[in-house]
Amino acid sequence: MAAITAVVSLASLLLPRPVVDGRGCCMRKSAEPAGPPSVPPTASLESLALRLETSVQAALGTDKTLVAIAAQRGLELLLRAACEELGSLSITVEASSSWQMITLPQKPGSVDSVSLSATGVSAGGFRVSSANLAFPRGLSAEFGSPFASPPTLPNLLEPAEASFSVRFSQDDLTRSPILFASLEALLREVIRSGASAAIGRVLPADSDALRIQLRSIESLRDGRVTLVADGSTRAEDGSNLTLEGLRVRTRVRVSRVEKLIVLQSPELISTFEGLGAKLEVGLPFLRGAGIPLPQWLDIDSLKVEDGSICASGTVRIQPINYEKLAAELQEYQRSADGRPPAATTVDADAVVADDDDGPASSRNRALPNAK
């Protein structure tokens, strides 16, 4: 009601008042000499919109532009509709002028900044415990309209760059089909290269002589990931040998030069128990494995700590083709359920990022192409 009262008051100030004579009758004003040129209609509309918005803001007790409030609400509805699961969600949109956002969306910086923070996210084959995304340089966007024919969704008008940080728990990795399949592909490549060295001949990447199935992610601690897998191999006489409970401990790193996620310094873990003691011995592999990152994604930091994997970097977002995006998500899901991602062999001790615990002499070195 306060907002309606403010709008009515503003309209009464803008409308011309009639002149009343002594008998209470309305009189027309006599023509006055022409004054200076009138203000352009666009400027008048902009001034009116600004005054109206200021009055409504005062009535609502906020200093945020009305279209920014609407954009926040629209983004929240869109994200909750797109995600299979979504816990808490906080979105902040900053814009200096609703008029500029509505009438000049193609102008760079028409949205000053956008940031969002979410927990418990599940979408498109990924699960994350927490995620943060920010567009510190602003972006240019159109807001879409449900009344258009056909209805249009919010979209970017030009590419935008955003910084991000995500945290994956052990449960997130296990319940993310794409991440789990990627880890399985990396582990398969590590064991394939190790088996090739043991038998003295190279097993093809798609060979049926060696099958590896990732069973679980045992632990995430001390900068290392421990993976548990079952394997089967076919001997030269045609018989099958099954290996259960293979435990591989490895560091997970990122190569910013080659744009790879790498299993670094992997080792096969054997456990011995006796006399009240438990001893773990690691047999190092000669080779690690890497899997390529998309060109639009740069990961600056990847660390294993406190039972989780934390990653941060930059993502470049193009204007969204919603039909193509839906098709790509379906393809990713099929790839995760069927054909595994392609992994490549790398040196086991190759240092791939500027990490605090890595040798300084090897930082930012390109990974050699292992044959």
Foldseek 3Di string as FASTA:
>chain_A
DQLVVLVVVLVVVPDDDFDADPVRDTDDDDDDDDDPDDDDPVVVVQVSVVSSQVSNCVSVVHPAGPVQVVLQVQVVVVQVVQWPDWDDKDKGWGADDPCCLAPPLVDFCRTQKIKMKTAQTHHLLFTFGIKIKIQNRGFRKDDWAVPDVPTDHIWGPFKGKIKMKTKHFQVRCVRRLQNVLQVQLQVLQLVQQQVCVVVVHHDDSPDPQKDKDWDGFDFQAPQKTKTFIKMWGADPVGDIDIGGGWIKIFHWDAAQVQQWTKGAFIWTWDWDDDPHDIDIDTHTGQKGKIAHDDPQWGWQDWTGHDRIIMIIDMGMDGIDPPVVVVVVSVVSVVCSVDPGGHMFIWGRHQDRHPDPPHDPVRHNPDTDHDD
